[in-house]
Amino acid sequence: MAKKIAVVVRDRQSEALRMAVGIILLDDTIAVFVLDQPVEASEQNQLYLETIADLELETYTNCEENRTMRFLSTPELAKKLLEYDHIVFY
């Protein structure tokens, strides 16, 4: 049975985005939550974000600077996270 997994991105952005792309191989439903800051502009992060978009993973943020992600307020993000079976923090 497929699980719903949320990857919460805070401090180690590249590692978290890489993990989100990697765990798609489990055939579970994956979503990425970027909290409190814009995604760092690096070639590596850009590649991961493009892959996440290609894989059609849901992406959420509470930082308006992350324009390619769905913006939710912090309370809305907290409520959304309750829908997931597993939450992985980075």
PDB file of N, CA and C in Angstrom:
ATOM      1  N   MET A   1       0.842  -1.181   0.000  1.00  0.00           N
ATOM      2  CA  MET A   1       0.000   0.000   0.000  1.00  0.00           C
ATOM      3  C   MET A   1       0.881   1.236   0.000  1.00  0.00           C
ATOM      4  N   ALA A   2       0.612   2.162  -0.895  1.00  0.00           N
ATOM      5  CA  ALA A   2       1.406   3.384  -1.015  1.00  0.00           C
ATOM      6  C   ALA A   2       1.196   4.283   0.195  1.00  0.00           C
ATOM      7  N   LYS A   3       2.280   4.872   0.639  1.00  0.00           N
ATOM      8  CA  LYS A   3       2.251   5.812   1.765  1.00  0.00           C
ATOM      9  C   LYS A   3       2.356   7.231   1.230  1.00  0.00           C
ATOM     10  N   LYS A   4       1.914   8.185   2.045  1.00  0.00           N
ATOM     11  CA  LYS A   4       2.087   9.595   1.738  1.00  0.00           C
ATOM     12  C   LYS A   4       3.261  10.098   2.569  1.00  0.00           C
ATOM     13  N   ILE A   5       4.287  10.613   1.888  1.00  0.00           N
ATOM     14  CA  ILE A   5       5.499  11.052   2.564  1.00  0.00           C
ATOM     15  C   ILE A   5       5.718  12.533   2.278  1.00  0.00           C
ATOM     16  N   ALA A   6       5.953  13.308   3.329  1.00  0.00           N
ATOM     17  CA  ALA A   6       6.270  14.724   3.199  1.00  0.00           C
ATOM     18  C   ALA A   6       7.745  14.928   3.519  1.00  0.00           C
ATOM     19  N   VAL A   7       8.445  15.634   2.656  1.00  0.00           N
ATOM     20  CA  VAL A   7       9.837  15.999   2.897  1.00  0.00           C
ATOM     21  C   VAL A   7       9.838  17.484   3.234  1.00  0.00           C
ATOM     22  N   VAL A   8      10.238  17.815   4.467  1.00  0.00           N
ATOM     23  CA  VAL A   8      10.242  19.195   4.939  1.00  0.00           C
ATOM     24  C   VAL A   8      11.661  19.743   4.806  1.00  0.00           C
ATOM     25  N   VAL A   9      11.790  20.796   4.025  1.00  0.00           N
ATOM     26  CA  VAL A   9      13.092  21.379   3.695  1.00  0.00           C
ATOM     27  C   VAL A   9      13.302  22.635   4.542  1.00  0.00           C
ATOM     28  N   ARG A  10      14.397  22.625   5.311  1.00  0.00           N
ATOM     29  CA  ARG A  10      14.746  23.832   6.073  1.00  0.00           C
ATOM     30  C   ARG A  10      16.225  24.132   5.913  1.00  0.00           C
ATOM     31  N   ASP A  11      17.077  23.471   6.650  1.00  0.00           N
ATOM     32  CA  ASP A  11      18.492  23.834   6.710  1.00  0.00           C
ATOM     33  C   ASP A  11      19.326  23.227   5.582  1.00  0.00           C
ATOM     34  N   ARG A  12      19.182  21.959   5.333  1.00  0.00           N
ATOM     35  CA  ARG A  12      20.014  21.264   4.338  1.00  0.00           C
ATOM     36  C   ARG A  12      19.218  21.098   3.045  1.00  0.00           C
ATOM     37  N   GLN A  13      19.089  22.181   2.308  1.00  0.00           N
ATOM     38  CA  GLN A  13      18.192  22.191   1.162  1.00  0.00           C
ATOM     39  C   GLN A  13      18.581  21.200   0.075  1.00  0.00           C
ATOM     40  N   SER A  14      19.830  21.205  -0.333  1.00  0.00           N
ATOM     41  CA  SER A  14      20.240  20.297  -1.410  1.00  0.00           C
ATOM     42  C   SER A  14      20.017  18.839  -1.034  1.00  0.00           C
ATOM     43  N   GLU A  15      20.376  18.499   0.192  1.00  0.00           N
ATOM     44  CA  GLU A  15      20.203  17.119   0.656  1.00  0.00           C
ATOM     45  C   GLU A  15      18.726  16.736   0.705  1.00  0.00           C
ATOM     46  N   ALA A  16      17.885  17.655   1.180  1.00  0.00           N
ATOM     47  CA  ALA A  16      16.452  17.379   1.275  1.00  0.00           C
ATOM     48  C   ALA A  16      15.822  17.213  -0.105  1.00  0.00           C
ATOM     49  N   LEU A  17      16.180  18.081  -1.042  1.00  0.00           N
ATOM     50  CA  LEU A  17      15.625  17.977  -2.389  1.00  0.00           C
ATOM     51  C   LEU A  17      16.101  16.706  -3.075  1.00  0.00           C
ATOM     52  N   ARG A  18      17.364  16.347  -2.869  1.00  0.00           N
ATOM     53  CA  ARG A  18      17.890  15.098  -3.431  1.00  0.00           C
ATOM     54  C   ARG A  18      17.131  13.902  -2.866  1.00  0.00           C
ATOM     55  N   MET A  19      16.858  13.930  -1.569  1.00  0.00           N
ATOM     56  CA  MET A  19      16.123  12.841  -0.920  1.00  0.00           C
ATOM     57  C   MET A  19      14.708  12.739  -1.481  1.00  0.00           C
ATOM     58  N   ALA A  20      14.063  13.869  -1.694  1.00  0.00           N
ATOM     59  CA  ALA A  20      12.701  13.859  -2.243  1.00  0.00           C
ATOM     60  C   ALA A  20      12.680  13.203  -3.622  1.00  0.00           C
ATOM     61  N   VAL A  21      13.682  13.509  -4.432  1.00  0.00           N
ATOM     62  CA  VAL A  21      13.765  12.890  -5.761  1.00  0.00           C
ATOM     63  C   VAL A  21      14.065  11.400  -5.630  1.00  0.00           C
ATOM     64  N   GLY A  22      14.945  11.024  -4.727  1.00  0.00           N
ATOM     65  CA  GLY A  22      15.348   9.631  -4.573  1.00  0.00           C
ATOM     66  C   GLY A  22      14.252   8.724  -4.057  1.00  0.00           C
ATOM     67  N   ILE A  23      13.444   9.212  -3.119  1.00  0.00           N
ATOM     68  CA  ILE A  23      12.436   8.323  -2.536  1.00  0.00           C
ATOM     69  C   ILE A  23      11.221   8.128  -3.432  1.00  0.00           C
ATOM     70  N   ILE A  24      11.172   8.813  -4.564  1.00  0.00           N
ATOM     71  CA  ILE A  24      10.092   8.573  -5.511  1.00  0.00           C
ATOM     72  C   ILE A  24      10.162   7.137  -6.035  1.00  0.00           C
ATOM     73  N   LEU A  25      11.326   6.537  -5.952  1.00  0.00           N
ATOM     74  CA  LEU A  25      11.490   5.156  -6.398  1.00  0.00           C
ATOM     75  C   LEU A  25      10.694   4.166  -5.553  1.00  0.00           C
ATOM     76  N   LEU A  26      10.272   4.586  -4.363  1.00  0.00           N
ATOM     77  CA  LEU A  26       9.475   3.717  -3.497  1.00  0.00           C
ATOM     78  C   LEU A  26       8.034   3.571  -3.977  1.00  0.00           C
ATOM     79  N   ASP A  27       7.639   4.336  -4.981  1.00  0.00           N
ATOM     80  CA  ASP A  27       6.285   4.320  -5.519  1.00  0.00           C
ATOM     81  C   ASP A  27       5.257   4.798  -4.507  1.00  0.00           C
ATOM     82  N   ASP A  28       5.687   5.706  -3.631  1.00  0.00           N
ATOM     83  CA  ASP A  28       4.784   6.345  -2.680  1.00  0.00           C
ATOM     84  C   ASP A  28       4.434   7.740  -3.193  1.00  0.00           C
ATOM     85  N   THR A  29       3.496   8.389  -2.543  1.00  0.00           N
ATOM     86  CA  THR A  29       3.144   9.761  -2.872  1.00  0.00           C
ATOM     87  C   THR A  29       4.060  10.678  -2.078  1.00  0.00           C
ATOM     88  N   ILE A  30       4.807  11.528  -2.774  1.00  0.00           N
ATOM     89  CA  ILE A  30       5.797  12.392  -2.153  1.00  0.00           C
ATOM     90  C   ILE A  30       5.382  13.848  -2.358  1.00  0.00           C
ATOM     91  N   ALA A  31       5.563  14.661  -1.319  1.00  0.00           N
ATOM     92  CA  ALA A  31       5.362  16.109  -1.422  1.00  0.00           C
ATOM     93  C   ALA A  31       6.534  16.799  -0.738  1.00  0.00           C
ATOM     94  N   VAL A  32       6.866  17.977  -1.236  1.00  0.00           N
ATOM     95  CA  VAL A  32       7.990  18.741  -0.708  1.00  0.00           C
ATOM     96  C   VAL A  32       7.451  20.021  -0.079  1.00  0.00           C
ATOM     97  N   PHE A  33       7.882  20.305   1.142  1.00  0.00           N
ATOM     98  CA  PHE A  33       7.483  21.498   1.880  1.00  0.00           C
ATOM     99  C   PHE A  33       8.740  22.315   2.181  1.00  0.00           C
ATOM    100  N   VAL A  34       8.869  23.489   1.585  1.00  0.00           N
ATOM    101  CA  VAL A  34      10.017  24.361   1.831  1.00  0.00           C
ATOM    102  C   VAL A  34       9.569  25.440   2.816  1.00  0.00           C
ATOM    103  N   LEU A  35      10.214  25.460   3.986  1.00  0.00           N
ATOM    104  CA  LEU A  35       9.766  26.350   5.052  1.00  0.00           C
ATOM    105  C   LEU A  35      10.693  27.534   5.273  1.00  0.00           C
ATOM    106  N   ASP A  36      10.089  28.693   5.454  1.00  0.00           N
ATOM    107  CA  ASP A  36      10.697  29.897   6.028  1.00  0.00           C
ATOM    108  C   ASP A  36      11.782  30.581   5.220  1.00  0.00           C
ATOM    109  N   GLN A  37      12.173  30.067   4.062  1.00  0.00           N
ATOM    110  CA  GLN A  37      13.237  30.712   3.293  1.00  0.00           C
ATOM    111  C   GLN A  37      13.148  30.306   1.828  1.00  0.00           C
ATOM    112  N   PRO A  38      13.699  31.153   0.960  1.00  0.00           N
ATOM    113  CA  PRO A  38      13.720  30.767  -0.457  1.00  0.00           C
ATOM    114  C   PRO A  38      14.728  29.647  -0.691  1.00  0.00           C
ATOM    115  N   VAL A  39      14.497  28.893  -1.741  1.00  0.00           N
ATOM    116  CA  VAL A  39      15.444  27.851  -2.114  1.00  0.00           C
ATOM    117  C   VAL A  39      16.715  28.540  -2.622  1.00  0.00           C
ATOM    118  N   GLU A  40      17.845  28.083  -2.122  1.00  0.00           N
ATOM    119  CA  GLU A  40      19.130  28.657  -2.518  1.00  0.00           C
ATOM    120  C   GLU A  40      19.335  28.477  -4.022  1.00  0.00           C
ATOM    121  N   ALA A  41      19.832  29.535  -4.659  1.00  0.00           N
ATOM    122  CA  ALA A  41      20.070  29.501  -6.099  1.00  0.00           C
ATOM    123  C   ALA A  41      21.398  28.803  -6.377  1.00  0.00           C
ATOM    124  N   SER A  42      21.334  27.497  -6.598  1.00  0.00           N
ATOM    125  CA  SER A  42      22.525  26.738  -6.967  1.00  0.00           C
ATOM    126  C   SER A  42      22.154  25.826  -8.128  1.00  0.00           C
ATOM    127  N   GLU A  43      23.156  25.428  -8.874  1.00  0.00           N
ATOM    128  CA  GLU A  43      22.920  24.546 -10.015  1.00  0.00           C
ATOM    129  C   GLU A  43      22.305  23.228  -9.558  1.00  0.00           C
ATOM    130  N   GLN A  44      22.789  22.726  -8.448  1.00  0.00           N
ATOM    131  CA  GLN A  44      22.299  21.457  -7.905  1.00  0.00           C
ATOM    132  C   GLN A  44      20.824  21.577  -7.511  1.00  0.00           C
ATOM    133  N   ASN A  45      20.472  22.619  -6.769  1.00  0.00           N
ATOM    134  CA  ASN A  45      19.079  22.808  -6.366  1.00  0.00           C
ATOM    135  C   ASN A  45      18.174  22.981  -7.574  1.00  0.00           C
ATOM    136  N   GLN A  46      18.648  23.716  -8.576  1.00  0.00           N
ATOM    137  CA  GLN A  46      17.855  23.923  -9.785  1.00  0.00           C
ATOM    138  C   GLN A  46      17.558  22.593 -10.483  1.00  0.00           C
ATOM    139  N   LEU A  47      18.558  21.735 -10.560  1.00  0.00           N
ATOM    140  CA  LEU A  47      18.365  20.420 -11.174  1.00  0.00           C
ATOM    141  C   LEU A  47      17.332  19.598 -10.394  1.00  0.00           C
ATOM    142  N   TYR A  48      17.439  19.609  -9.069  1.00  0.00           N
ATOM    143  CA  TYR A  48      16.473  18.862  -8.251  1.00  0.00           C
ATOM    144  C   TYR A  48      15.060  19.421  -8.417  1.00  0.00           C
ATOM    145  N   LEU A  49      14.931  20.747  -8.440  1.00  0.00           N
ATOM    146  CA  LEU A  49      13.606  21.352  -8.594  1.00  0.00           C
ATOM    147  C   LEU A  49      13.008  21.041  -9.962  1.00  0.00           C
ATOM    148  N   GLU A  50      13.831  21.028 -11.000  1.00  0.00           N
ATOM    149  CA  GLU A  50      13.345  20.656 -12.332  1.00  0.00           C
ATOM    150  C   GLU A  50      12.886  19.203 -12.355  1.00  0.00           C
ATOM    151  N   THR A  51      13.640  18.332 -11.700  1.00  0.00           N
ATOM    152  CA  THR A  51      13.264  16.918 -11.636  1.00  0.00           C
ATOM    153  C   THR A  51      11.965  16.747 -10.858  1.00  0.00           C
ATOM    154  N   ILE A  52      11.833  17.466  -9.751  1.00  0.00           N
ATOM    155  CA  ILE A  52      10.599  17.423  -8.951  1.00  0.00           C
ATOM    156  C   ILE A  52       9.413  17.875  -9.791  1.00  0.00           C
ATOM    157  N   ALA A  53       9.596  18.921 -10.578  1.00  0.00           N
ATOM    158  CA  ALA A  53       8.518  19.399 -11.458  1.00  0.00           C
ATOM    159  C   ALA A  53       8.203  18.359 -12.534  1.00  0.00           C
ATOM    160  N   ASP A  54       9.239  17.752 -13.116  1.00  0.00           N
ATOM    161  CA  ASP A  54       9.031  16.727 -14.147  1.00  0.00           C
ATOM    162  C   ASP A  54       8.279  15.522 -13.596  1.00  0.00           C
ATOM    163  N   LEU A  55       8.563  15.172 -12.340  1.00  0.00           N
ATOM    164  CA  LEU A  55       7.900  14.038 -11.698  1.00  0.00           C
ATOM    165  C   LEU A  55       6.521  14.403 -11.156  1.00  0.00           C
ATOM    166  N   GLU A  56       6.174  15.669 -11.282  1.00  0.00           N
ATOM    167  CA  GLU A  56       4.876  16.201 -10.847  1.00  0.00           C
ATOM    168  C   GLU A  56       4.620  15.989  -9.360  1.00  0.00           C
ATOM    169  N   LEU A  57       5.671  16.161  -8.561  1.00  0.00           N
ATOM    170  CA  LEU A  57       5.499  16.109  -7.111  1.00  0.00           C
ATOM    171  C   LEU A  57       4.870  17.413  -6.643  1.00  0.00           C
ATOM    172  N   GLU A  58       4.047  17.331  -5.620  1.00  0.00           N
ATOM    173  CA  GLU A  58       3.459  18.538  -5.056  1.00  0.00           C
ATOM    174  C   GLU A  58       4.531  19.287  -4.276  1.00  0.00           C
ATOM    175  N   THR A  59       4.548  20.608  -4.409  1.00  0.00           N
ATOM    176  CA  THR A  59       5.493  21.435  -3.659  1.00  0.00           C
ATOM    177  C   THR A  59       4.729  22.567  -2.983  1.00  0.00           C
ATOM    178  N   TYR A  60       5.063  22.793  -1.712  1.00  0.00           N
ATOM    179  CA  TYR A  60       4.411  23.820  -0.909  1.00  0.00           C
ATOM    180  C   TYR A  60       5.471  24.662  -0.218  1.00  0.00           C
ATOM    181  N   THR A  61       5.132  25.915   0.076  1.00  0.00           N
ATOM    182  CA  THR A  61       6.050  26.794   0.789  1.00  0.00           C
ATOM    183  C   THR A  61       5.272  27.850   1.554  1.00  0.00           C
ATOM    184  N   ASN A  62       5.907  28.389   2.583  1.00  0.00           N
ATOM    185  CA  ASN A  62       5.348  29.539   3.281  1.00  0.00           C
ATOM    186  C   ASN A  62       6.203  30.780   3.026  1.00  0.00           C
ATOM    187  N   CYS A  63       7.040  30.712   1.994  1.00  0.00           N
ATOM    188  CA  CYS A  63       7.910  31.815   1.587  1.00  0.00           C
ATOM    189  C   CYS A  63       7.487  32.261   0.187  1.00  0.00           C
ATOM    190  N   GLU A  64       6.996  33.471   0.077  1.00  0.00           N
ATOM    191  CA  GLU A  64       6.461  33.948  -1.199  1.00  0.00           C
ATOM    192  C   GLU A  64       7.514  34.039  -2.296  1.00  0.00           C
ATOM    193  N   GLU A  65       8.791  34.037  -1.948  1.00  0.00           N
ATOM    194  CA  GLU A  65       9.858  34.102  -2.949  1.00  0.00           C
ATOM    195  C   GLU A  65       9.980  32.808  -3.762  1.00  0.00           C
ATOM    196  N   ASN A  66       9.461  31.713  -3.261  1.00  0.00           N
ATOM    197  CA  ASN A  66       9.475  30.431  -3.977  1.00  0.00           C
ATOM    198  C   ASN A  66       8.265  30.398  -4.909  1.00  0.00           C
ATOM    199  N   ARG A  67       8.372  31.085  -6.015  1.00  0.00           N
ATOM    200  CA  ARG A  67       7.233  31.326  -6.897  1.00  0.00           C
ATOM    201  C   ARG A  67       6.726  30.089  -7.639  1.00  0.00           C
ATOM    202  N   THR A  68       7.549  29.072  -7.786  1.00  0.00           N
ATOM    203  CA  THR A  68       7.113  27.884  -8.522  1.00  0.00           C
ATOM    204  C   THR A  68       6.367  26.901  -7.627  1.00  0.00           C
ATOM    205  N   MET A  69       6.274  27.220  -6.343  1.00  0.00           N
ATOM    206  CA  MET A  69       5.616  26.330  -5.383  1.00  0.00           C
ATOM    207  C   MET A  69       4.301  26.940  -4.927  1.00  0.00           C
ATOM    208  N   ARG A  70       3.418  26.091  -4.487  1.00  0.00           N
ATOM    209  CA  ARG A  70       2.129  26.564  -3.972  1.00  0.00           C
ATOM    210  C   ARG A  70       2.339  27.207  -2.607  1.00  0.00           C
ATOM    211  N   PHE A  71       1.919  28.464  -2.469  1.00  0.00           N
ATOM    212  CA  PHE A  71       2.078  29.181  -1.207  1.00  0.00           C
ATOM    213  C   PHE A  71       0.942  28.827  -0.254  1.00  0.00           C
ATOM    214  N   LEU A  72       1.314  28.494   0.982  1.00  0.00           N
ATOM    215  CA  LEU A  72       0.368  28.288   2.070  1.00  0.00           C
ATOM    216  C   LEU A  72       0.921  28.994   3.300  1.00  0.00           C
ATOM    217  N   SER A  73       0.044  29.542   4.115  1.00  0.00           N
ATOM    218  CA  SER A  73       0.501  30.151   5.360  1.00  0.00           C
ATOM    219  C   SER A  73       1.025  29.050   6.285  1.00  0.00           C
ATOM    220  N   THR A  74       1.749  29.436   7.310  1.00  0.00           N
ATOM    221  CA  THR A  74       2.301  28.446   8.233  1.00  0.00           C
ATOM    222  C   THR A  74       1.207  27.585   8.876  1.00  0.00           C
ATOM    223  N   PRO A  75       0.092  28.157   9.352  1.00  0.00           N
ATOM    224  CA  PRO A  75      -0.976  27.296   9.885  1.00  0.00           C
ATOM    225  C   PRO A  75      -1.570  26.353   8.834  1.00  0.00           C
ATOM    226  N   GLU A  76      -1.673  26.818   7.586  1.00  0.00           N
ATOM    227  CA  GLU A  76      -2.186  25.955   6.519  1.00  0.00           C
ATOM    228  C   GLU A  76      -1.212  24.816   6.224  1.00  0.00           C
ATOM    229  N   LEU A  77       0.100  25.120   6.266  1.00  0.00           N
ATOM    230  CA  LEU A  77       1.099  24.064   6.066  1.00  0.00           C
ATOM    231  C   LEU A  77       1.008  23.017   7.165  1.00  0.00           C
ATOM    232  N   ALA A  78       0.856  23.474   8.394  1.00  0.00           N
ATOM    233  CA  ALA A  78       0.750  22.545   9.524  1.00  0.00           C
ATOM    234  C   ALA A  78      -0.458  21.617   9.343  1.00  0.00           C
ATOM    235  N   LYS A  79      -1.560  22.183   8.921  1.00  0.00           N
ATOM    236  CA  LYS A  79      -2.765  21.379   8.692  1.00  0.00           C
ATOM    237  C   LYS A  79      -2.550  20.393   7.544  1.00  0.00           C
ATOM    238  N   LYS A  80      -1.872  20.841   6.492  1.00  0.00           N
ATOM    239  CA  LYS A  80      -1.605  19.980   5.330  1.00  0.00           C
ATOM    240  C   LYS A  80      -0.715  18.802   5.720  1.00  0.00           C
ATOM    241  N   LEU A  81       0.281  19.044   6.577  1.00  0.00           N
ATOM    242  CA  LEU A  81       1.197  17.975   6.996  1.00  0.00           C
ATOM    243  C   LEU A  81       0.473  16.847   7.736  1.00  0.00           C
ATOM    244  N   LEU A  82      -0.659  17.134   8.331  1.00  0.00           N
ATOM    245  CA  LEU A  82      -1.423  16.100   9.035  1.00  0.00           C
ATOM    246  C   LEU A  82      -1.961  15.028   8.094  1.00  0.00           C
ATOM    247  N   GLU A  83      -1.978  15.300   6.794  1.00  0.00           N
ATOM    248  CA  GLU A  83      -2.474  14.346   5.809  1.00  0.00           C
ATOM    249  C   GLU A  83      -1.461  13.252   5.472  1.00  0.00           C
ATOM    250  N   TYR A  84      -0.213  13.382   5.954  1.00  0.00           N
ATOM    251  CA  TYR A  84       0.862  12.492   5.526  1.00  0.00           C
ATOM    252  C   TYR A  84       1.137  11.403   6.562  1.00  0.00           C
ATOM    253  N   ASP A  85       1.516  10.227   6.061  1.00  0.00           N
ATOM    254  CA  ASP A  85       1.841   9.095   6.923  1.00  0.00           C
ATOM    255  C   ASP A  85       3.227   9.253   7.560  1.00  0.00           C
ATOM    256  N   HIS A  86       4.157   9.795   6.792  1.00  0.00           N
ATOM    257  CA  HIS A  86       5.538   9.982   7.260  1.00  0.00           C
ATOM    258  C   HIS A  86       5.999  11.383   6.905  1.00  0.00           C
ATOM    259  N   ILE A  87       6.747  11.987   7.814  1.00  0.00           N
ATOM    260  CA  ILE A  87       7.311  13.320   7.586  1.00  0.00           C
ATOM    261  C   ILE A  87       8.801  13.243   7.828  1.00  0.00           C
ATOM    262  N   VAL A  88       9.585  13.617   6.807  1.00  0.00           N
ATOM    263  CA  VAL A  88      11.032  13.577   6.878  1.00  0.00           C
ATOM    264  C   VAL A  88      11.537  15.020   6.940  1.00  0.00           C
ATOM    265  N   PHE A  89      12.235  15.373   8.023  1.00  0.00           N
ATOM    266  CA  PHE A  89      12.725  16.744   8.215  1.00  0.00           C
ATOM    267  C   PHE A  89      14.194  16.859   7.848  1.00  0.00           C
ATOM    268  N   TYR A  90      14.531  17.931   7.133  1.00  0.00           N
ATOM    269  CA  TYR A  90      15.920  18.245   6.824  1.00  0.00           C
ATOM    270  C   TYR A  90      16.198  19.672   7.188  1.00  0.00           C
TER     271      TYR A  90
END
